[in-house]
Each structure stands twice: as C-alpha cells, then as structure tokens.
N, C-alpha and C. Protein backbone atom coordinates (compact mmCIF):
# COMPACT_ATOMS: atom_id res chain seq x y z
N MET A 1 103.96 126.43 46.67
CA MET A 1 104.15 125.01 46.55
C MET A 1 103.97 124.36 47.92
N ASN A 2 103.27 123.24 47.95
CA ASN A 2 103.11 122.55 49.23
C ASN A 2 104.30 121.63 49.50
N ARG A 3 104.36 121.12 50.72
CA ARG A 3 105.49 120.29 51.15
C ARG A 3 105.66 119.04 50.29
N ARG A 4 104.56 118.40 49.93
CA ARG A 4 104.63 117.18 49.13
C ARG A 4 105.25 117.45 47.75
N THR A 5 104.87 118.58 47.14
CA THR A 5 105.42 118.95 45.84
C THR A 5 106.92 119.22 45.94
N VAL A 6 107.32 119.94 47.00
CA VAL A 6 108.74 120.24 47.20
C VAL A 6 109.54 118.96 47.37
N LEU A 7 109.02 118.02 48.17
CA LEU A 7 109.72 116.75 48.38
C LEU A 7 109.82 115.96 47.08
N ALA A 8 108.75 115.97 46.29
CA ALA A 8 108.78 115.25 45.02
C ALA A 8 109.82 115.85 44.07
N LEU A 9 109.87 117.18 44.01
CA LEU A 9 110.84 117.84 43.15
C LEU A 9 112.27 117.61 43.66
N THR A 10 112.45 117.63 44.98
CA THR A 10 113.76 117.37 45.56
C THR A 10 114.22 115.97 45.21
N GLY A 11 113.32 115.01 45.35
CA GLY A 11 113.66 113.63 45.02
C GLY A 11 114.01 113.47 43.56
N ALA A 12 113.22 114.12 42.68
CA ALA A 12 113.50 114.03 41.25
C ALA A 12 114.84 114.66 40.91
N ALA A 13 115.15 115.79 41.54
CA ALA A 13 116.43 116.44 41.30
C ALA A 13 117.58 115.57 41.80
N PHE A 14 117.38 114.94 42.94
CA PHE A 14 118.42 114.06 43.49
C PHE A 14 118.67 112.88 42.56
N LEU A 15 117.59 112.28 42.05
CA LEU A 15 117.75 111.13 41.16
C LEU A 15 118.39 111.54 39.83
N ALA A 16 118.15 112.76 39.39
CA ALA A 16 118.70 113.20 38.12
C ALA A 16 120.19 113.53 38.24
N THR A 17 120.69 113.68 39.47
CA THR A 17 122.08 114.03 39.69
C THR A 17 122.92 112.77 39.73
N PRO A 18 124.01 112.70 38.98
CA PRO A 18 124.90 111.55 39.08
C PRO A 18 125.46 111.45 40.49
N LEU A 19 125.86 110.25 40.89
CA LEU A 19 126.32 110.06 42.25
C LEU A 19 127.81 110.37 42.42
N GLY A 20 128.37 111.20 41.58
CA GLY A 20 129.77 111.59 41.73
C GLY A 20 129.92 112.55 42.91
N ALA A 21 131.07 112.53 43.55
CA ALA A 21 131.29 113.34 44.75
C ALA A 21 131.18 114.82 44.45
N ALA A 22 131.59 115.26 43.27
CA ALA A 22 131.56 116.68 42.97
C ALA A 22 130.13 117.20 42.89
N GLU A 23 129.20 116.37 42.47
CA GLU A 23 127.81 116.80 42.35
C GLU A 23 127.01 116.61 43.64
N GLN A 24 127.56 115.88 44.59
CA GLN A 24 126.85 115.59 45.83
C GLN A 24 126.84 116.83 46.73
N PRO A 25 125.74 117.05 47.45
CA PRO A 25 125.73 118.13 48.41
C PRO A 25 126.59 117.76 49.61
N GLY A 26 126.97 118.74 50.40
CA GLY A 26 127.61 118.45 51.67
C GLY A 26 129.12 118.59 51.69
N ASN A 27 129.71 119.22 50.69
CA ASN A 27 131.15 119.50 50.72
C ASN A 27 131.98 118.26 51.03
N GLY A 28 131.71 117.17 50.39
CA GLY A 28 132.53 115.98 50.59
C GLY A 28 132.05 115.06 51.70
N ILE A 29 131.02 115.44 52.42
CA ILE A 29 130.47 114.55 53.46
C ILE A 29 129.81 113.35 52.79
N ILE A 30 129.16 113.59 51.65
CA ILE A 30 128.50 112.52 50.91
C ILE A 30 129.37 112.16 49.72
N ARG A 31 129.71 110.88 49.63
CA ARG A 31 130.57 110.44 48.53
C ARG A 31 130.21 109.03 48.10
N PRO A 32 130.46 108.69 46.84
CA PRO A 32 130.19 107.33 46.37
C PRO A 32 131.21 106.36 46.95
N ALA A 33 130.83 105.10 47.05
CA ALA A 33 131.70 104.08 47.64
C ALA A 33 132.97 103.91 46.82
N GLY A 34 132.84 103.84 45.51
CA GLY A 34 134.02 103.68 44.66
C GLY A 34 134.89 102.52 45.12
N ASP A 35 136.19 102.78 45.24
CA ASP A 35 137.14 101.75 45.68
C ASP A 35 137.47 101.86 47.16
N ALA A 36 136.77 102.72 47.88
CA ALA A 36 137.05 102.91 49.31
C ALA A 36 136.72 101.64 50.10
N THR A 37 137.42 101.47 51.22
CA THR A 37 137.13 100.38 52.14
C THR A 37 136.77 100.99 53.49
N LEU A 38 136.14 100.22 54.34
CA LEU A 38 135.82 100.71 55.67
C LEU A 38 137.10 101.03 56.45
N GLY A 39 138.15 100.31 56.17
CA GLY A 39 139.44 100.56 56.82
C GLY A 39 140.02 101.93 56.51
N ASP A 40 139.63 102.51 55.38
CA ASP A 40 140.11 103.85 55.02
C ASP A 40 139.67 104.90 56.03
N PHE A 41 138.63 104.62 56.78
CA PHE A 41 138.05 105.62 57.70
C PHE A 41 138.38 105.35 59.17
N LEU A 42 139.13 104.29 59.44
CA LEU A 42 139.46 103.93 60.83
C LEU A 42 140.06 105.12 61.57
N TRP A 43 139.48 105.46 62.70
CA TRP A 43 139.92 106.51 63.61
C TRP A 43 139.87 107.91 62.99
N ILE A 44 139.31 108.03 61.80
CA ILE A 44 139.22 109.32 61.12
C ILE A 44 137.77 109.81 61.08
N ALA A 45 136.87 108.93 60.68
CA ALA A 45 135.47 109.30 60.49
C ALA A 45 134.56 108.13 60.81
N ARG A 46 133.28 108.44 60.97
CA ARG A 46 132.26 107.41 61.19
C ARG A 46 131.50 107.24 59.88
N PRO A 47 131.75 106.16 59.14
CA PRO A 47 131.02 105.95 57.88
C PRO A 47 129.55 105.62 58.15
N LEU A 48 128.68 106.36 57.49
CA LEU A 48 127.25 106.05 57.44
C LEU A 48 127.03 105.56 56.02
N VAL A 49 126.81 104.28 55.86
CA VAL A 49 126.76 103.67 54.53
C VAL A 49 125.30 103.47 54.12
N VAL A 50 124.94 104.03 52.97
CA VAL A 50 123.59 103.91 52.43
C VAL A 50 123.70 103.08 51.15
N LEU A 51 123.16 101.87 51.21
CA LEU A 51 123.24 100.94 50.09
C LEU A 51 121.84 100.65 49.55
N ALA A 52 121.75 100.55 48.23
CA ALA A 52 120.50 100.17 47.58
C ALA A 52 120.86 99.50 46.27
N ASP A 53 119.90 98.79 45.71
CA ASP A 53 120.15 98.13 44.43
C ASP A 53 119.89 99.05 43.24
N ASN A 54 119.33 100.24 43.51
CA ASN A 54 118.96 101.15 42.45
C ASN A 54 118.79 102.54 43.05
N PRO A 55 119.25 103.61 42.39
CA PRO A 55 119.08 104.96 42.94
C PRO A 55 117.62 105.40 42.99
N ALA A 56 116.72 104.69 42.32
CA ALA A 56 115.31 105.05 42.34
C ALA A 56 114.57 104.37 43.49
N ASP A 57 115.23 103.53 44.27
CA ASP A 57 114.60 102.87 45.42
C ASP A 57 114.03 103.96 46.34
N PRO A 58 112.73 103.95 46.61
CA PRO A 58 112.12 104.99 47.44
C PRO A 58 112.76 105.12 48.82
N ARG A 59 113.23 104.02 49.38
CA ARG A 59 113.89 104.08 50.69
C ARG A 59 115.23 104.83 50.58
N TYR A 60 115.94 104.60 49.50
CA TYR A 60 117.20 105.30 49.27
C TYR A 60 116.95 106.80 49.11
N VAL A 61 115.97 107.14 48.28
CA VAL A 61 115.64 108.55 48.05
C VAL A 61 115.25 109.22 49.36
N GLN A 62 114.39 108.57 50.14
CA GLN A 62 113.97 109.14 51.42
C GLN A 62 115.16 109.30 52.37
N GLN A 63 116.02 108.29 52.46
CA GLN A 63 117.17 108.37 53.36
C GLN A 63 118.08 109.52 52.98
N MET A 64 118.35 109.68 51.70
CA MET A 64 119.23 110.76 51.26
C MET A 64 118.60 112.13 51.51
N GLN A 65 117.29 112.24 51.40
CA GLN A 65 116.62 113.50 51.73
C GLN A 65 116.78 113.80 53.21
N LEU A 66 116.59 112.81 54.05
CA LEU A 66 116.74 113.00 55.50
C LEU A 66 118.18 113.42 55.83
N ILE A 67 119.14 112.81 55.19
CA ILE A 67 120.54 113.13 55.44
C ILE A 67 120.88 114.54 54.99
N THR A 68 120.48 114.91 53.78
CA THR A 68 120.85 116.23 53.26
C THR A 68 120.18 117.36 54.03
N GLN A 69 119.08 117.09 54.69
CA GLN A 69 118.42 118.12 55.50
C GLN A 69 119.19 118.43 56.78
N ARG A 70 120.04 117.51 57.25
CA ARG A 70 120.73 117.69 58.53
C ARG A 70 122.22 117.37 58.42
N LEU A 71 122.86 117.78 57.35
CA LEU A 71 124.28 117.52 57.18
C LEU A 71 125.13 118.11 58.30
N ASP A 72 124.70 119.24 58.84
CA ASP A 72 125.46 119.88 59.91
C ASP A 72 125.59 118.98 61.13
N ALA A 73 124.52 118.29 61.50
CA ALA A 73 124.55 117.39 62.66
C ALA A 73 125.50 116.22 62.41
N LEU A 74 125.56 115.75 61.19
CA LEU A 74 126.45 114.64 60.85
C LEU A 74 127.91 115.12 60.81
N ALA A 75 128.15 116.27 60.21
CA ALA A 75 129.51 116.81 60.14
C ALA A 75 130.08 117.04 61.54
N GLU A 76 129.24 117.50 62.44
CA GLU A 76 129.64 117.75 63.83
C GLU A 76 130.13 116.47 64.50
N ARG A 77 129.67 115.33 64.02
CA ARG A 77 130.00 114.03 64.61
C ARG A 77 131.01 113.24 63.76
N ASP A 78 131.70 113.91 62.86
CA ASP A 78 132.72 113.29 62.00
C ASP A 78 132.14 112.15 61.16
N VAL A 79 130.94 112.34 60.65
CA VAL A 79 130.30 111.31 59.82
C VAL A 79 130.61 111.59 58.36
N VAL A 80 130.92 110.54 57.63
CA VAL A 80 131.02 110.61 56.18
C VAL A 80 129.97 109.64 55.64
N VAL A 81 129.16 110.12 54.70
CA VAL A 81 128.09 109.31 54.13
C VAL A 81 128.60 108.66 52.86
N ILE A 82 128.58 107.34 52.84
CA ILE A 82 129.05 106.57 51.69
C ILE A 82 127.82 105.99 51.00
N THR A 83 127.68 106.26 49.70
CA THR A 83 126.53 105.76 48.95
C THR A 83 126.97 104.73 47.92
N ASP A 84 126.11 103.75 47.70
CA ASP A 84 126.35 102.73 46.67
C ASP A 84 125.00 102.21 46.20
N THR A 85 124.69 102.48 44.95
CA THR A 85 123.42 102.03 44.38
C THR A 85 123.64 101.13 43.16
N ASP A 86 124.85 100.57 43.06
CA ASP A 86 125.17 99.72 41.91
C ASP A 86 125.74 98.38 42.39
N PRO A 87 124.89 97.37 42.59
CA PRO A 87 125.38 96.07 43.04
C PRO A 87 126.38 95.44 42.06
N GLY A 88 126.24 95.77 40.79
CA GLY A 88 127.13 95.20 39.77
C GLY A 88 128.57 95.69 39.90
N ALA A 89 128.78 96.85 40.48
CA ALA A 89 130.12 97.40 40.62
C ALA A 89 130.93 96.67 41.69
N ARG A 90 130.24 95.99 42.60
CA ARG A 90 130.88 95.18 43.65
C ARG A 90 131.96 95.95 44.40
N SER A 91 131.57 97.11 44.94
CA SER A 91 132.52 97.93 45.69
C SER A 91 132.99 97.17 46.94
N PRO A 92 134.20 97.46 47.41
CA PRO A 92 134.71 96.77 48.60
C PRO A 92 133.78 96.94 49.83
N ILE A 93 133.17 98.10 49.95
CA ILE A 93 132.26 98.32 51.10
C ILE A 93 131.01 97.45 50.95
N ARG A 94 130.46 97.38 49.73
CA ARG A 94 129.29 96.53 49.50
C ARG A 94 129.63 95.06 49.77
N LEU A 95 130.79 94.64 49.34
CA LEU A 95 131.20 93.24 49.57
C LEU A 95 131.38 92.97 51.06
N ALA A 96 131.88 93.94 51.81
CA ALA A 96 132.09 93.75 53.24
C ALA A 96 130.77 93.69 54.01
N LEU A 97 129.79 94.51 53.60
CA LEU A 97 128.53 94.60 54.35
C LEU A 97 127.45 93.65 53.85
N ARG A 98 127.56 93.17 52.62
CA ARG A 98 126.64 92.20 52.03
C ARG A 98 125.16 92.56 52.23
N PRO A 99 124.72 93.68 51.68
CA PRO A 99 123.31 94.07 51.85
C PRO A 99 122.38 93.24 50.98
N ARG A 100 121.12 93.24 51.37
CA ARG A 100 120.05 92.67 50.54
C ARG A 100 119.08 93.81 50.29
N GLY A 101 119.17 94.43 49.14
CA GLY A 101 118.34 95.59 48.86
C GLY A 101 118.85 96.80 49.61
N PHE A 102 117.92 97.61 50.13
CA PHE A 102 118.31 98.81 50.87
C PHE A 102 118.88 98.44 52.23
N MET A 103 119.94 99.16 52.61
CA MET A 103 120.50 98.97 53.96
C MET A 103 121.21 100.25 54.38
N LEU A 104 120.98 100.65 55.62
CA LEU A 104 121.65 101.78 56.24
C LEU A 104 122.52 101.21 57.35
N THR A 105 123.81 101.51 57.30
CA THR A 105 124.75 100.97 58.30
C THR A 105 125.61 102.10 58.84
N LEU A 106 125.76 102.13 60.16
CA LEU A 106 126.65 103.09 60.81
C LEU A 106 127.83 102.33 61.38
N VAL A 107 129.03 102.80 61.03
CA VAL A 107 130.26 102.17 61.49
C VAL A 107 130.99 103.17 62.40
N ALA A 108 131.43 102.69 63.57
CA ALA A 108 132.15 103.54 64.51
C ALA A 108 133.56 103.81 64.00
N LYS A 109 134.21 104.80 64.61
CA LYS A 109 135.59 105.13 64.21
C LYS A 109 136.54 103.96 64.42
N ASP A 110 136.22 103.07 65.35
CA ASP A 110 137.10 101.91 65.59
C ASP A 110 136.79 100.74 64.65
N GLY A 111 135.82 100.92 63.75
CA GLY A 111 135.50 99.90 62.77
C GLY A 111 134.36 98.97 63.14
N THR A 112 133.81 99.09 64.35
CA THR A 112 132.69 98.22 64.74
C THR A 112 131.40 98.74 64.12
N ILE A 113 130.55 97.83 63.75
CA ILE A 113 129.26 98.19 63.18
C ILE A 113 128.31 98.51 64.32
N LEU A 114 127.81 99.75 64.35
CA LEU A 114 126.91 100.17 65.42
C LEU A 114 125.48 99.74 65.14
N PHE A 115 125.06 99.81 63.88
CA PHE A 115 123.74 99.29 63.53
C PHE A 115 123.64 99.06 62.04
N ARG A 116 122.66 98.20 61.69
CA ARG A 116 122.23 97.95 60.31
C ARG A 116 120.72 98.10 60.31
N LYS A 117 120.19 98.89 59.39
CA LYS A 117 118.75 99.13 59.33
C LYS A 117 118.24 98.83 57.91
N PRO A 118 117.10 98.16 57.81
CA PRO A 118 116.53 97.86 56.50
C PRO A 118 115.58 98.95 55.99
N ALA A 119 115.49 100.05 56.73
CA ALA A 119 114.59 101.15 56.37
C ALA A 119 115.26 102.46 56.72
N PRO A 120 114.84 103.56 56.10
CA PRO A 120 115.43 104.87 56.40
C PRO A 120 115.30 105.24 57.89
N TRP A 121 116.27 106.01 58.34
CA TRP A 121 116.31 106.47 59.73
C TRP A 121 116.56 107.96 59.74
N ASP A 122 115.91 108.65 60.64
CA ASP A 122 116.06 110.09 60.80
C ASP A 122 117.46 110.41 61.34
N VAL A 123 118.01 111.55 60.96
CA VAL A 123 119.33 111.95 61.42
C VAL A 123 119.35 112.13 62.94
N ARG A 124 118.25 112.51 63.53
CA ARG A 124 118.18 112.63 64.98
C ARG A 124 118.47 111.29 65.66
N GLU A 125 117.90 110.21 65.13
CA GLU A 125 118.14 108.88 65.69
C GLU A 125 119.57 108.43 65.44
N ILE A 126 120.10 108.75 64.26
CA ILE A 126 121.49 108.41 63.96
C ILE A 126 122.41 109.14 64.92
N SER A 127 122.15 110.42 65.13
CA SER A 127 122.96 111.23 66.04
C SER A 127 122.92 110.69 67.46
N ARG A 128 121.75 110.29 67.91
CA ARG A 128 121.62 109.72 69.25
C ARG A 128 122.45 108.46 69.40
N SER A 129 122.44 107.61 68.37
CA SER A 129 123.24 106.39 68.41
C SER A 129 124.73 106.71 68.52
N ILE A 130 125.16 107.72 67.82
CA ILE A 130 126.57 108.13 67.89
C ILE A 130 126.89 108.71 69.26
N ASP A 131 126.00 109.58 69.75
CA ASP A 131 126.26 110.28 71.01
C ASP A 131 126.31 109.35 72.22
N LYS A 132 125.75 108.16 72.11
CA LYS A 132 125.80 107.18 73.21
C LYS A 132 127.15 106.49 73.31
N GLN A 133 127.95 106.58 72.28
CA GLN A 133 129.22 105.87 72.24
C GLN A 133 130.28 106.54 73.11
N PRO A 134 131.05 105.75 73.86
CA PRO A 134 132.08 106.33 74.74
C PRO A 134 133.08 107.22 74.00
N LEU A 135 133.50 106.85 72.79
CA LEU A 135 134.46 107.67 72.05
C LEU A 135 133.86 109.04 71.74
N ARG A 136 132.59 109.08 71.35
CA ARG A 136 131.95 110.36 71.06
C ARG A 136 131.84 111.20 72.34
N GLN A 137 131.49 110.58 73.44
CA GLN A 137 131.40 111.31 74.71
C GLN A 137 132.75 111.90 75.09
N GLN A 138 133.82 111.15 74.83
CA GLN A 138 135.16 111.67 75.11
C GLN A 138 135.49 112.83 74.18
N GLU A 139 135.09 112.73 72.91
CA GLU A 139 135.32 113.81 71.95
C GLU A 139 134.64 115.09 72.41
N VAL A 140 133.42 114.97 72.91
CA VAL A 140 132.67 116.14 73.39
C VAL A 140 133.38 116.75 74.60
N ARG A 141 133.80 115.88 75.53
CA ARG A 141 134.52 116.39 76.71
C ARG A 141 135.81 117.11 76.28
N ASP A 142 136.55 116.52 75.37
CA ASP A 142 137.79 117.13 74.89
C ASP A 142 137.53 118.46 74.19
N GLN A 143 136.46 118.51 73.43
CA GLN A 143 136.11 119.70 72.67
C GLN A 143 135.74 120.86 73.60
N HIS A 144 135.10 120.54 74.69
CA HIS A 144 134.65 121.58 75.63
C HIS A 144 135.66 121.81 76.75
N GLY A 145 136.79 121.12 76.70
CA GLY A 145 137.82 121.33 77.71
C GLY A 145 137.44 120.86 79.09
N VAL A 146 136.56 119.86 79.18
CA VAL A 146 136.14 119.35 80.46
C VAL A 146 137.21 118.40 80.97
N LEU A 147 137.70 118.66 82.17
CA LEU A 147 138.72 117.82 82.77
C LEU A 147 138.07 116.76 83.65
N PRO A 148 138.72 115.61 83.84
CA PRO A 148 138.18 114.58 84.74
C PRO A 148 138.25 115.08 86.18
N PRO A 149 137.40 114.53 87.05
CA PRO A 149 137.45 114.91 88.46
C PRO A 149 138.85 114.65 89.03
N LEU A 150 139.25 115.46 90.03
CA LEU A 150 140.59 115.37 90.60
C LEU A 150 140.92 113.98 91.15
N ASP A 151 139.92 113.29 91.70
CA ASP A 151 140.21 111.96 92.26
C ASP A 151 140.52 110.93 91.17
N GLN A 152 140.27 111.28 89.90
CA GLN A 152 140.58 110.35 88.81
C GLN A 152 141.90 110.70 88.11
N VAL A 153 142.52 111.82 88.48
CA VAL A 153 143.79 112.22 87.88
C VAL A 153 144.91 111.48 88.61
N ARG A 154 145.82 110.90 87.86
CA ARG A 154 146.94 110.16 88.49
C ARG A 154 148.23 110.87 88.26
C-alpha cells in the first residue's frame, strides 16, 4: 500500500469512529469537549482545542492525523487535545472560543491563549510554541534537576 492509500484509510477509520473518549486514541489525551471548560485545565494541562463544524472537514481530519502521529510529544508537554465537531451542542469551550469553521487553539496552563490557527498545524510547530513559554522552560529545568546559578540563589 502506498502512503496516500494508508492516509485515506486512516482518515476513513477516524471518521467512522465516534468521538467518545473511550474510542479515541491516546489514552485520554484526546477527548471530546462535552461539558468541560477551559478553567478545568488551569495549571494542570495545556488544552489544544480542535474545533470544526463537521467531523468530515478535511482540515479537521488532517489535524487529527497529525496529532495522533505524535501523541508522545504532546503528552510530554502536558497537552490534552479537546475536540468539538458539533456546533449545535454549544459546548462551553466552543462558546468561549467562538470559532468560525475549523480552528486550532492552544491554551497555556495559566489560561492564556497562545495561538489560534485557521488551518492544521504540525505537532513539531505546536511543540515549539509550547517550548518557548517560560513555564515550560521551568518545567524542563525542574525535570532535569537544573539549579539556578549561585548568584541567583537568595
């Protein structure tokens, strides 16, 4: 099978899968918006919100393929992917972000919106945006046990 056929089959399988959390890949990293609010994730996780008016939107399908290919990079950065493809459900996250069609939004742990994109973005670019943030840089330093220089210790 060539790459194009595999991508087409992957997309078809993704669209055939209901958007319930149990059926989503990623061990809970990918979940439907439901009744969740952005405030539910404050200081816990970085919501990456993928919104579309329909699960068949090619931009939505492409974005979810990009995400599922690199879930490890997102998990490493405490990212939770929130999906919403039903404007009629009027989820609290959809109401807060007010998308027009497809929209990809990254929210920092402190609740600030880091970016809004009208087209799919590669996980590498998403990761770079996260890694530039001071909180993420502090998390990396803490994780590796890096201490501040002695002249900065009080």
